[in-house]
PDB file of all heavy atoms in Angstrom:
ATOM      1  N   GLY A   1       0.813  -1.211   0.040  1.00  0.00           N
ATOM      2  CA  GLY A   1       0.021  -0.013  -0.021  1.00  0.00           C
ATOM      3  C   GLY A   1       0.886   1.248   0.018  1.00  0.00           C
ATOM      4  O   GLY A   1       0.619   2.224  -0.748  1.00  0.00           O
ATOM      5  N   PHE A   2       1.935   1.298   0.821  1.00  0.00           N
ATOM      6  CA  PHE A   2       2.734   2.500   0.883  1.00  0.00           C
ATOM      7  C   PHE A   2       3.642   2.539  -0.389  1.00  0.00           C
ATOM      8  O   PHE A   2       4.053   3.644  -0.772  1.00  0.00           O
ATOM      9  CB  PHE A   2       3.570   2.460   2.183  1.00  0.00           C
ATOM     10  CG  PHE A   2       2.766   2.809   3.331  1.00  0.00           C
ATOM     11  CD1 PHE A   2       2.379   1.851   4.264  1.00  0.00           C
ATOM     12  CD2 PHE A   2       2.452   4.178   3.577  1.00  0.00           C
ATOM     13  CE1 PHE A   2       1.580   2.210   5.370  1.00  0.00           C
ATOM     14  CE2 PHE A   2       1.726   4.464   4.690  1.00  0.00           C
ATOM     15  CZ  PHE A   2       1.266   3.519   5.641  1.00  0.00           C
ATOM     16  N   TYR A   3       4.063   1.419  -0.961  1.00  0.00           N
ATOM     17  CA  TYR A   3       4.782   1.386  -2.227  1.00  0.00           C
ATOM     18  C   TYR A   3       3.956   2.070  -3.344  1.00  0.00           C
ATOM     19  O   TYR A   3       4.428   2.924  -4.038  1.00  0.00           O
ATOM     20  CB  TYR A   3       5.166  -0.017  -2.527  1.00  0.00           C
ATOM     21  CG  TYR A   3       5.803  -0.262  -3.824  1.00  0.00           C
ATOM     22  CD1 TYR A   3       6.793   0.586  -4.388  1.00  0.00           C
ATOM     23  CD2 TYR A   3       5.468  -1.330  -4.653  1.00  0.00           C
ATOM     24  CE1 TYR A   3       7.335   0.370  -5.609  1.00  0.00           C
ATOM     25  CE2 TYR A   3       6.028  -1.581  -5.807  1.00  0.00           C
ATOM     26  CZ  TYR A   3       7.027  -0.732  -6.384  1.00  0.00           C
ATOM     27  OH  TYR A   3       7.619  -0.920  -7.537  1.00  0.00           O
ATOM     28  N   TRP A   4       2.710   1.650  -3.379  1.00  0.00           N
ATOM     29  CA  TRP A   4       1.823   2.220  -4.380  1.00  0.00           C
ATOM     30  C   TRP A   4       1.565   3.719  -4.132  1.00  0.00           C
ATOM     31  O   TRP A   4       1.457   4.508  -5.024  1.00  0.00           O
ATOM     32  CB  TRP A   4       0.508   1.502  -4.482  1.00  0.00           C
ATOM     33  CG  TRP A   4       0.551   0.137  -5.025  1.00  0.00           C
ATOM     34  CD1 TRP A   4       1.735  -0.483  -5.385  1.00  0.00           C
ATOM     35  CD2 TRP A   4      -0.531  -0.774  -5.381  1.00  0.00           C
ATOM     36  NE1 TRP A   4       1.382  -1.757  -6.023  1.00  0.00           N
ATOM     37  CE2 TRP A   4       0.042  -1.917  -5.945  1.00  0.00           C
ATOM     38  CE3 TRP A   4      -1.929  -0.597  -5.176  1.00  0.00           C
ATOM     39  CZ2 TRP A   4      -0.743  -2.942  -6.390  1.00  0.00           C
ATOM     40  CZ3 TRP A   4      -2.676  -1.659  -5.637  1.00  0.00           C
ATOM     41  CH2 TRP A   4      -2.108  -2.804  -6.246  1.00  0.00           C
ATOM     42  N   LEU A   5       1.496   4.142  -2.845  1.00  0.00           N
ATOM     43  CA  LEU A   5       1.356   5.511  -2.494  1.00  0.00           C
ATOM     44  C   LEU A   5       2.525   6.364  -3.068  1.00  0.00           C
ATOM     45  O   LEU A   5       2.330   7.480  -3.601  1.00  0.00           O
ATOM     46  CB  LEU A   5       1.291   5.720  -0.949  1.00  0.00           C
ATOM     47  CG  LEU A   5       1.019   7.147  -0.507  1.00  0.00           C
ATOM     48  CD1 LEU A   5      -0.318   7.625  -0.913  1.00  0.00           C
ATOM     49  CD2 LEU A   5       1.175   7.178   1.072  1.00  0.00           C
ATOM     50  N   ARG A   6       3.814   5.785  -3.010  1.00  0.00           N
ATOM     51  CA  ARG A   6       4.875   6.489  -3.530  1.00  0.00           C
ATOM     52  C   ARG A   6       4.768   6.682  -4.970  1.00  0.00           C
ATOM     53  O   ARG A   6       5.130   7.696  -5.641  1.00  0.00           O
ATOM     54  CB  ARG A   6       6.181   5.699  -3.319  1.00  0.00           C
ATOM     55  CG  ARG A   6       6.613   5.775  -1.736  1.00  0.00           C
ATOM     56  CD  ARG A   6       7.007   7.132  -1.375  1.00  0.00           C
ATOM     57  NE  ARG A   6       7.585   7.095  -0.017  1.00  0.00           N
ATOM     58  CZ  ARG A   6       8.649   7.685   0.399  1.00  0.00           C
ATOM     59  NH1 ARG A   6       9.380   8.398  -0.497  1.00  0.00           N
ATOM     60  NH2 ARG A   6       9.087   7.630   1.616  1.00  0.00           N
ATOM     61  N   LYS A   7       4.185   5.712  -5.669  1.00  0.00           N
ATOM     62  CA  LYS A   7       3.893   5.805  -7.125  1.00  0.00           C
ATOM     63  C   LYS A   7       2.845   6.805  -7.390  1.00  0.00           C
ATOM     64  O   LYS A   7       2.974   7.664  -8.402  1.00  0.00           O
ATOM     65  CB  LYS A   7       3.409   4.444  -7.661  1.00  0.00           C
ATOM     66  CG  LYS A   7       4.440   3.359  -7.626  1.00  0.00           C
ATOM     67  CD  LYS A   7       3.960   2.083  -8.309  1.00  0.00           C
ATOM     68  CE  LYS A   7       5.108   0.972  -8.302  1.00  0.00           C
ATOM     69  NZ  LYS A   7       4.701  -0.163  -9.082  1.00  0.00           N
ATOM     70  N   VAL A   8       1.817   6.897  -6.543  1.00  0.00           N
ATOM     71  CA  VAL A   8       0.803   8.039  -6.686  1.00  0.00           C
ATOM     72  C   VAL A   8       1.433   9.368  -6.561  1.00  0.00           C
ATOM     73  O   VAL A   8       1.252  10.251  -7.428  1.00  0.00           O
ATOM     74  CB  VAL A   8      -0.268   7.845  -5.669  1.00  0.00           C
ATOM     75  CG1 VAL A   8      -1.210   9.064  -5.654  1.00  0.00           C
ATOM     76  CG2 VAL A   8      -1.132   6.586  -5.960  1.00  0.00           C
ATOM     77  N   PHE A   9       2.300   9.571  -5.630  1.00  0.00           N
ATOM     78  CA  PHE A   9       3.047  10.831  -5.438  1.00  0.00           C
ATOM     79  C   PHE A   9       3.905  11.123  -6.676  1.00  0.00           C
ATOM     80  O   PHE A   9       3.949  12.324  -7.050  1.00  0.00           O
ATOM     81  CB  PHE A   9       3.899  10.740  -4.160  1.00  0.00           C
ATOM     82  CG  PHE A   9       3.238  10.788  -2.858  1.00  0.00           C
ATOM     83  CD1 PHE A   9       3.863  10.454  -1.743  1.00  0.00           C
ATOM     84  CD2 PHE A   9       1.866  11.034  -2.782  1.00  0.00           C
ATOM     85  CE1 PHE A   9       3.217  10.443  -0.498  1.00  0.00           C
ATOM     86  CE2 PHE A   9       1.254  11.151  -1.584  1.00  0.00           C
ATOM     87  CZ  PHE A   9       1.926  10.843  -0.427  1.00  0.00           C
ATOM     88  N   ALA A  10       4.561  10.148  -7.218  1.00  0.00           N
ATOM     89  CA  ALA A  10       5.392  10.414  -8.375  1.00  0.00           C
ATOM     90  C   ALA A  10       4.578  10.804  -9.585  1.00  0.00           C
ATOM     91  O   ALA A  10       4.960  11.742 -10.314  1.00  0.00           O
ATOM     92  CB  ALA A  10       6.132   9.135  -8.823  1.00  0.00           C
ATOM     93  N   VAL A  11       3.394  10.206  -9.843  1.00  0.00           N
ATOM     94  CA  VAL A  11       2.472  10.536 -10.913  1.00  0.00           C
ATOM     95  C   VAL A  11       1.945  11.996 -10.681  1.00  0.00           C
ATOM     96  O   VAL A  11       1.846  12.792 -11.700  1.00  0.00           O
ATOM     97  CB  VAL A  11       1.299   9.579 -11.038  1.00  0.00           C
ATOM     98  CG1 VAL A  11       0.351  10.073 -12.050  1.00  0.00           C
ATOM     99  CG2 VAL A  11       1.824   8.253 -11.512  1.00  0.00           C
ATOM    100  N   LEU A  12       1.697  12.378  -9.437  1.00  0.00           N
ATOM    101  CA  LEU A  12       1.077  13.682  -9.292  1.00  0.00           C
ATOM    102  C   LEU A  12       2.109  14.810  -9.017  1.00  0.00           C
ATOM    103  O   LEU A  12       1.783  15.960  -8.874  1.00  0.00           O
ATOM    104  CB  LEU A  12       0.183  13.601  -8.023  1.00  0.00           C
ATOM    105  CG  LEU A  12      -1.062  12.695  -8.098  1.00  0.00           C
ATOM    106  CD1 LEU A  12      -1.863  12.700  -6.842  1.00  0.00           C
ATOM    107  CD2 LEU A  12      -1.908  13.131  -9.281  1.00  0.00           C
ATOM    108  N   ASP A  13       3.370  14.485  -9.053  1.00  0.00           N
ATOM    109  CA  ASP A  13       4.399  15.440  -8.893  1.00  0.00           C
ATOM    110  C   ASP A  13       4.262  16.607 -10.009  1.00  0.00           C
ATOM    111  O   ASP A  13       4.226  16.303 -11.138  1.00  0.00           O
ATOM    112  CB  ASP A  13       5.835  14.864  -9.041  1.00  0.00           C
ATOM    113  CG  ASP A  13       6.858  15.780  -8.754  1.00  0.00           C
ATOM    114  OD1 ASP A  13       6.705  16.684  -7.855  1.00  0.00           O
ATOM    115  OD2 ASP A  13       7.951  15.704  -9.367  1.00  0.00           O
ATOM    116  N   GLY A  14       4.139  17.785  -9.523  1.00  0.00           N
ATOM    117  CA  GLY A  14       4.025  19.012 -10.456  1.00  0.00           C
ATOM    118  C   GLY A  14       2.596  19.268 -10.962  1.00  0.00           C
ATOM    119  O   GLY A  14       2.376  19.955 -11.789  1.00  0.00           O
ATOM    120  N   CYS A  15       1.605  18.439 -10.414  1.00  0.00           N
ATOM    121  CA  CYS A  15       0.296  18.587 -10.884  1.00  0.00           C
ATOM    122  C   CYS A  15      -0.410  19.957 -10.721  1.00  0.00           C
ATOM    123  O   CYS A  15      -1.308  20.257 -11.466  1.00  0.00           O
ATOM    124  CB  CYS A  15      -0.627  17.557 -10.277  1.00  0.00           C
ATOM    125  SG  CYS A  15      -0.822  17.626  -8.413  1.00  0.00           S
ATOM    126  N   GLN A  16       0.179  20.761  -9.848  1.00  0.00           N
ATOM    127  CA  GLN A  16      -0.343  22.093  -9.569  1.00  0.00           C
ATOM    128  C   GLN A  16       0.297  23.165 -10.385  1.00  0.00           C
ATOM    129  O   GLN A  16      -0.082  24.379 -10.285  1.00  0.00           O
ATOM    130  CB  GLN A  16      -0.298  22.474  -8.086  1.00  0.00           C
ATOM    131  CG  GLN A  16      -1.037  21.542  -7.230  1.00  0.00           C
ATOM    132  CD  GLN A  16      -1.026  21.987  -5.701  1.00  0.00           C
ATOM    133  OE1 GLN A  16      -1.426  23.106  -5.377  1.00  0.00           O
ATOM    134  NE2 GLN A  16      -0.537  21.093  -4.823  1.00  0.00           N
ATOM    135  N   ASP A  17       1.270  22.800 -11.155  1.00  0.00           N
ATOM    136  CA  ASP A  17       2.111  23.853 -11.869  1.00  0.00           C
ATOM    137  C   ASP A  17       1.289  24.719 -12.702  1.00  0.00           C
ATOM    138  O   ASP A  17       1.633  25.957 -12.822  1.00  0.00           O
ATOM    139  CB  ASP A  17       3.267  23.159 -12.664  1.00  0.00           C
ATOM    140  CG  ASP A  17       4.296  22.462 -11.746  1.00  0.00           C
ATOM    141  OD1 ASP A  17       4.236  22.690 -10.513  1.00  0.00           O
ATOM    142  OD2 ASP A  17       5.128  21.730 -12.336  1.00  0.00           O
ATOM    143  N   GLY A  18       0.322  24.205 -13.375  1.00  0.00           N
ATOM    144  CA  GLY A  18      -0.352  25.106 -14.312  1.00  0.00           C
ATOM    145  C   GLY A  18      -1.695  25.764 -13.792  1.00  0.00           C
ATOM    146  O   GLY A  18      -2.349  26.352 -14.542  1.00  0.00           O
ATOM    147  N   VAL A  19      -1.832  25.709 -12.574  1.00  0.00           N
ATOM    148  CA  VAL A  19      -3.082  26.254 -11.908  1.00  0.00           C
ATOM    149  C   VAL A  19      -3.028  27.757 -11.976  1.00  0.00           C
ATOM    150  O   VAL A  19      -1.992  28.320 -11.514  1.00  0.00           O
ATOM    151  CB  VAL A  19      -3.286  25.684 -10.500  1.00  0.00           C
ATOM    152  CG1 VAL A  19      -4.567  26.414  -9.798  1.00  0.00           C
ATOM    153  CG2 VAL A  19      -3.451  24.168 -10.552  1.00  0.00           C
ATOM    154  N   SER A  20      -4.076  28.282 -12.357  1.00  0.00           N
ATOM    155  CA  SER A  20      -4.208  29.791 -12.315  1.00  0.00           C
ATOM    156  C   SER A  20      -5.587  30.200 -11.766  1.00  0.00           C
ATOM    157  O   SER A  20      -6.566  29.917 -12.237  1.00  0.00           O
ATOM    158  CB  SER A  20      -4.071  30.349 -13.752  1.00  0.00           C
ATOM    159  OG  SER A  20      -4.166  31.769 -13.770  1.00  0.00           O
ATOM    160  N   LEU A  21      -5.386  30.902 -10.635  1.00  0.00           N
ATOM    161  CA  LEU A  21      -6.674  31.418  -9.893  1.00  0.00           C
ATOM    162  C   LEU A  21      -6.926  32.878 -10.334  1.00  0.00           C
ATOM    163  O   LEU A  21      -6.076  33.595 -10.512  1.00  0.00           O
ATOM    164  CB  LEU A  21      -6.515  31.284  -8.453  1.00  0.00           C
ATOM    165  CG  LEU A  21      -5.955  29.895  -7.841  1.00  0.00           C
ATOM    166  CD1 LEU A  21      -5.785  29.994  -6.363  1.00  0.00           C
ATOM    167  CD2 LEU A  21      -6.921  28.826  -8.188  1.00  0.00           C
ATOM    168  N   GLY A  22      -8.287  33.171 -10.387  1.00  0.00           N
ATOM    169  CA  GLY A  22      -8.534  34.486 -10.838  1.00  0.00           C
ATOM    170  C   GLY A  22      -9.943  35.090 -10.388  1.00  0.00           C
ATOM    171  O   GLY A  22     -10.796  34.309  -9.773  1.00  0.00           O
ATOM    172  N   GLU A  23     -10.084  36.322 -10.691  1.00  0.00           N
ATOM    173  CA  GLU A  23     -11.302  37.110 -10.373  1.00  0.00           C
ATOM    174  C   GLU A  23     -11.384  37.334  -8.833  1.00  0.00           C
ATOM    175  O   GLU A  23     -11.173  38.361  -8.329  1.00  0.00           O
ATOM    176  CB  GLU A  23     -12.502  36.499 -10.983  1.00  0.00           C
ATOM    177  CG  GLU A  23     -12.478  36.238 -12.467  1.00  0.00           C
ATOM    178  CD  GLU A  23     -12.141  37.480 -13.269  1.00  0.00           C
ATOM    179  OE1 GLU A  23     -12.610  38.534 -12.816  1.00  0.00           O
ATOM    180  OE2 GLU A  23     -11.414  37.423 -14.287  1.00  0.00           O
ATOM    181  N   THR A  24     -11.905  36.365  -8.074  1.00  0.00           N
ATOM    182  CA  THR A  24     -11.958  36.390  -6.667  1.00  0.00           C
ATOM    183  C   THR A  24     -11.203  35.178  -6.005  1.00  0.00           C
ATOM    184  O   THR A  24     -11.513  34.073  -6.327  1.00  0.00           O
ATOM    185  CB  THR A  24     -13.419  36.385  -6.201  1.00  0.00           C
ATOM    186  OG1 THR A  24     -14.106  37.514  -6.808  1.00  0.00           O
ATOM    187  CG2 THR A  24     -13.518  36.549  -4.712  1.00  0.00           C
ATOM    188  N   VAL A  25     -10.255  35.519  -5.141  1.00  0.00           N
ATOM    189  CA  VAL A  25      -9.386  34.450  -4.593  1.00  0.00           C
ATOM    190  C   VAL A  25      -9.415  34.559  -3.115  1.00  0.00           C
ATOM    191  O   VAL A  25      -9.205  35.679  -2.532  1.00  0.00           O
ATOM    192  CB  VAL A  25      -7.986  34.502  -5.124  1.00  0.00           C
ATOM    193  CG1 VAL A  25      -7.129  33.436  -4.473  1.00  0.00           C
ATOM    194  CG2 VAL A  25      -7.970  34.462  -6.668  1.00  0.00           C
ATOM    195  N   TRP A  26      -9.669  33.476  -2.441  1.00  0.00           N
ATOM    196  CA  TRP A  26      -9.621  33.380  -0.946  1.00  0.00           C
ATOM    197  C   TRP A  26      -8.272  32.806  -0.622  1.00  0.00           C
ATOM    198  O   TRP A  26      -7.889  31.722  -1.202  1.00  0.00           O
ATOM    199  CB  TRP A  26     -10.699  32.508  -0.367  1.00  0.00           C
ATOM    200  CG  TRP A  26     -12.061  33.186  -0.458  1.00  0.00           C
ATOM    201  CD1 TRP A  26     -12.781  33.813   0.473  1.00  0.00           C
ATOM    202  CD2 TRP A  26     -12.976  33.171  -1.567  1.00  0.00           C
ATOM    203  NE1 TRP A  26     -13.992  34.208   0.082  1.00  0.00           N
ATOM    204  CE2 TRP A  26     -14.105  33.780  -1.243  1.00  0.00           C
ATOM    205  CE3 TRP A  26     -12.868  32.492  -2.903  1.00  0.00           C
ATOM    206  CZ2 TRP A  26     -15.226  33.959  -2.118  1.00  0.00           C
ATOM    207  CZ3 TRP A  26     -13.888  32.700  -3.721  1.00  0.00           C
ATOM    208  CH2 TRP A  26     -15.087  33.333  -3.382  1.00  0.00           C
ATOM    209  N   LEU A  27      -7.508  33.393   0.244  1.00  0.00           N
ATOM    210  CA  LEU A  27      -6.198  32.925   0.643  1.00  0.00           C
ATOM    211  C   LEU A  27      -6.026  32.955   2.184  1.00  0.00           C
ATOM    212  O   LEU A  27      -6.374  33.856   2.869  1.00  0.00           O
ATOM    213  CB  LEU A  27      -5.117  33.812  -0.042  1.00  0.00           C
ATOM    214  CG  LEU A  27      -3.637  33.400   0.026  1.00  0.00           C
ATOM    215  CD1 LEU A  27      -2.887  33.988  -1.078  1.00  0.00           C
ATOM    216  CD2 LEU A  27      -3.026  34.145   1.440  1.00  0.00           C
ATOM    217  N   ASP A  28      -5.323  31.911   2.714  1.00  0.00           N
ATOM    218  CA  ASP A  28      -5.081  31.824   4.092  1.00  0.00           C
ATOM    219  C   ASP A  28      -3.983  30.796   4.295  1.00  0.00           C
ATOM    220  O   ASP A  28      -3.700  29.893   3.285  1.00  0.00           O
ATOM    221  CB  ASP A  28      -6.281  31.559   4.957  1.00  0.00           C
ATOM    222  CG  ASP A  28      -6.104  31.951   6.394  1.00  0.00           C
ATOM    223  OD1 ASP A  28      -5.065  32.450   6.757  1.00  0.00           O
ATOM    224  OD2 ASP A  28      -7.073  31.677   7.113  1.00  0.00           O
ATOM    225  N   GLU A  29      -3.547  30.527   5.480  1.00  0.00           N
ATOM    226  CA  GLU A  29      -2.652  29.379   5.840  1.00  0.00           C
ATOM    227  C   GLU A  29      -3.261  28.492   6.861  1.00  0.00           C
ATOM    228  O   GLU A  29      -4.045  28.925   7.671  1.00  0.00           O
ATOM    229  CB  GLU A  29      -1.291  29.933   6.388  1.00  0.00           C
ATOM    230  CG  GLU A  29      -0.510  30.801   5.410  1.00  0.00           C
ATOM    231  CD  GLU A  29      -0.968  32.248   5.355  1.00  0.00           C
ATOM    232  OE1 GLU A  29      -1.437  32.709   6.310  1.00  0.00           O
ATOM    233  OE2 GLU A  29      -0.826  32.750   4.193  1.00  0.00           O
ATOM    234  N   THR A  30      -2.896  27.249   6.738  1.00  0.00           N
ATOM    235  CA  THR A  30      -3.237  26.318   7.848  1.00  0.00           C
ATOM    236  C   THR A  30      -1.920  25.672   8.301  1.00  0.00           C
ATOM    237  O   THR A  30      -0.906  25.927   7.692  1.00  0.00           O
ATOM    238  CB  THR A  30      -4.211  25.259   7.421  1.00  0.00           C
ATOM    239  OG1 THR A  30      -4.666  24.523   8.534  1.00  0.00           O
ATOM    240  CG2 THR A  30      -3.651  24.258   6.346  1.00  0.00           C
ATOM    241  N   PHE A  31      -1.988  24.902   9.395  1.00  0.00           N
ATOM    242  CA  PHE A  31      -0.716  24.435   9.890  1.00  0.00           C
ATOM    243  C   PHE A  31      -0.830  23.018  10.313  1.00  0.00           C
ATOM    244  O   PHE A  31      -1.882  22.491  10.664  1.00  0.00           O
ATOM    245  CB  PHE A  31      -0.320  25.239  11.173  1.00  0.00           C
ATOM    246  CG  PHE A  31      -0.068  26.702  10.899  1.00  0.00           C
ATOM    247  CD1 PHE A  31      -1.191  27.599  10.920  1.00  0.00           C
ATOM    248  CD2 PHE A  31       1.167  27.187  10.637  1.00  0.00           C
ATOM    249  CE1 PHE A  31      -1.044  28.937  10.680  1.00  0.00           C
ATOM    250  CE2 PHE A  31       1.406  28.573  10.367  1.00  0.00           C
ATOM    251  CZ  PHE A  31       0.186  29.433  10.397  1.00  0.00           C
ATOM    252  N   VAL A  32       0.292  22.232  10.146  1.00  0.00           N
ATOM    253  CA  VAL A  32       0.426  20.911  10.584  1.00  0.00           C
ATOM    254  C   VAL A  32       1.591  20.840  11.538  1.00  0.00           C
ATOM    255  O   VAL A  32       2.515  21.675  11.414  1.00  0.00           O
ATOM    256  CB  VAL A  32       0.558  19.837   9.488  1.00  0.00           C
ATOM    257  CG1 VAL A  32      -0.600  19.863   8.539  1.00  0.00           C
ATOM    258  CG2 VAL A  32       1.839  20.085   8.767  1.00  0.00           C
ATOM    259  N   SER A  33       1.582  19.820  12.510  1.00  0.00           N
ATOM    260  CA  SER A  33       2.719  19.713  13.413  1.00  0.00           C
ATOM    261  C   SER A  33       3.807  18.921  12.736  1.00  0.00           C
ATOM    262  O   SER A  33       3.666  18.117  11.882  1.00  0.00           O
ATOM    263  CB  SER A  33       2.240  18.899  14.587  1.00  0.00           C
ATOM    264  OG  SER A  33       1.217  19.512  15.375  1.00  0.00           O
ATOM    265  N   VAL A  34       5.116  19.243  13.203  1.00  0.00           N
ATOM    266  CA  VAL A  34       6.187  18.495  12.568  1.00  0.00           C
ATOM    267  C   VAL A  34       6.148  17.094  13.198  1.00  0.00           C
ATOM    268  O   VAL A  34       5.438  16.757  14.084  1.00  0.00           O
ATOM    269  CB  VAL A  34       7.564  19.173  13.010  1.00  0.00           C
ATOM    270  CG1 VAL A  34       7.640  20.604  12.497  1.00  0.00           C
ATOM    271  CG2 VAL A  34       7.683  19.168  14.549  1.00  0.00           C
ATOM    272  N   ASP A  35       7.006  16.280  12.561  1.00  0.00           N
ATOM    273  CA  ASP A  35       7.046  14.796  13.059  1.00  0.00           C
ATOM    274  C   ASP A  35       7.431  14.809  14.602  1.00  0.00           C
ATOM    275  O   ASP A  35       8.177  15.652  15.063  1.00  0.00           O
ATOM    276  CB  ASP A  35       8.083  14.001  12.286  1.00  0.00           C
ATOM    277  CG  ASP A  35       7.602  13.606  10.944  1.00  0.00           C
ATOM    278  OD1 ASP A  35       6.392  13.282  10.843  1.00  0.00           O
ATOM    279  OD2 ASP A  35       8.391  13.766  10.012  1.00  0.00           O
ATOM    280  N   LYS A  36       6.868  13.857  15.307  1.00  0.00           N
ATOM    281  CA  LYS A  36       7.069  13.811  16.757  1.00  0.00           C
ATOM    282  C   LYS A  36       8.470  13.798  17.193  1.00  0.00           C
ATOM    283  O   LYS A  36       8.791  14.541  18.121  1.00  0.00           O
ATOM    284  CB  LYS A  36       6.287  12.584  17.356  1.00  0.00           C
ATOM    285  CG  LYS A  36       4.774  12.679  17.402  1.00  0.00           C
ATOM    286  CD  LYS A  36       4.185  11.483  18.108  1.00  0.00           C
ATOM    287  CE  LYS A  36       2.685  11.661  18.161  1.00  0.00           C
ATOM    288  NZ  LYS A  36       2.033  10.488  18.863  1.00  0.00           N
ATOM    289  N   PRO A  37       9.382  13.049  16.529  1.00  0.00           N
ATOM    290  CA  PRO A  37      10.790  13.059  17.002  1.00  0.00           C
ATOM    291  C   PRO A  37      11.453  14.489  16.822  1.00  0.00           C
ATOM    292  O   PRO A  37      12.430  14.700  17.498  1.00  0.00           O
ATOM    293  CB  PRO A  37      11.454  12.049  15.983  1.00  0.00           C
ATOM    294  CG  PRO A  37      10.303  11.190  15.582  1.00  0.00           C
ATOM    295  CD  PRO A  37       9.156  12.058  15.537  1.00  0.00           C
ATOM    296  N   ASP A  38      10.884  15.338  15.970  1.00  0.00           N
ATOM    297  CA  ASP A  38      11.464  16.655  15.671  1.00  0.00           C
ATOM    298  C   ASP A  38      10.860  17.758  16.448  1.00  0.00           C
ATOM    299  O   ASP A  38      11.280  18.935  16.445  1.00  0.00           O
ATOM    300  CB  ASP A  38      11.260  17.018  14.185  1.00  0.00           C
ATOM    301  CG  ASP A  38      11.951  15.941  13.282  1.00  0.00           C
ATOM    302  OD1 ASP A  38      13.000  15.440  13.734  1.00  0.00           O
ATOM    303  OD2 ASP A  38      11.535  15.723  12.184  1.00  0.00           O
ATOM    304  N   ARG A  39       9.855  17.475  17.379  1.00  0.00           N
ATOM    305  CA  ARG A  39       9.210  18.447  18.151  1.00  0.00           C
ATOM    306  C   ARG A  39      10.100  18.961  19.285  1.00  0.00           C
ATOM    307  O   ARG A  39      10.699  18.259  20.002  1.00  0.00           O
ATOM    308  CB  ARG A  39       7.873  18.063  18.653  1.00  0.00           C
ATOM    309  CG  ARG A  39       6.811  17.722  17.537  1.00  0.00           C
ATOM    310  CD  ARG A  39       5.529  17.183  17.993  1.00  0.00           C
ATOM    311  NE  ARG A  39       4.759  16.717  16.845  1.00  0.00           N
ATOM    312  CZ  ARG A  39       3.594  16.057  16.875  1.00  0.00           C
ATOM    313  NH1 ARG A  39       3.148  15.782  18.096  1.00  0.00           N
ATOM    314  NH2 ARG A  39       3.006  15.665  15.838  1.00  0.00           N
ATOM    315  N   VAL A  40      10.110  20.313  19.356  1.00  0.00           N
ATOM    316  CA  VAL A  40      10.778  21.008  20.510  1.00  0.00           C
ATOM    317  C   VAL A  40       9.911  21.045  21.696  1.00  0.00           C
ATOM    318  O   VAL A  40       8.748  21.458  21.535  1.00  0.00           O
ATOM    319  CB  VAL A  40      11.293  22.359  19.995  1.00  0.00           C
ATOM    320  CG1 VAL A  40      12.105  23.102  21.060  1.00  0.00           C
ATOM    321  CG2 VAL A  40      12.163  22.251  18.741  1.00  0.00           C
ATOM    322  N   THR A  41      10.500  20.820  22.899  1.00  0.00           N
ATOM    323  CA  THR A  41       9.742  20.892  24.091  1.00  0.00           C
ATOM    324  C   THR A  41      10.435  21.874  25.073  1.00  0.00           C
ATOM    325  O   THR A  41      11.705  22.111  25.051  1.00  0.00           O
ATOM    326  CB  THR A  41       9.558  19.582  24.730  1.00  0.00           C
ATOM    327  OG1 THR A  41      10.853  19.005  25.079  1.00  0.00           O
ATOM    328  CG2 THR A  41       8.753  18.648  23.847  1.00  0.00           C
ATOM    329  N   GLU A  42       9.672  22.473  26.019  1.00  0.00           N
ATOM    330  CA  GLU A  42      10.182  23.184  27.091  1.00  0.00           C
ATOM    331  C   GLU A  42       9.694  22.579  28.426  1.00  0.00           C
ATOM    332  O   GLU A  42       8.424  22.580  28.583  1.00  0.00           O
ATOM    333  CB  GLU A  42       9.788  24.624  26.959  1.00  0.00           C
ATOM    334  CG  GLU A  42      10.547  25.322  25.866  1.00  0.00           C
ATOM    335  CD  GLU A  42      10.211  26.874  25.764  1.00  0.00           C
ATOM    336  OE1 GLU A  42       9.374  27.293  26.492  1.00  0.00           O
ATOM    337  OE2 GLU A  42      10.703  27.561  24.923  1.00  0.00           O
TER     338      GLU A  42
END
């Protein structure tokens, strides 16, 4: 399943390159956490 997923990623690589948004565009950011081993703690 994960091997096939890598193939899916390869096929979709660059799929957004030709996208052009126009007239009215909504823009914002969302966030995801870094991998657990990389998280900084205090």
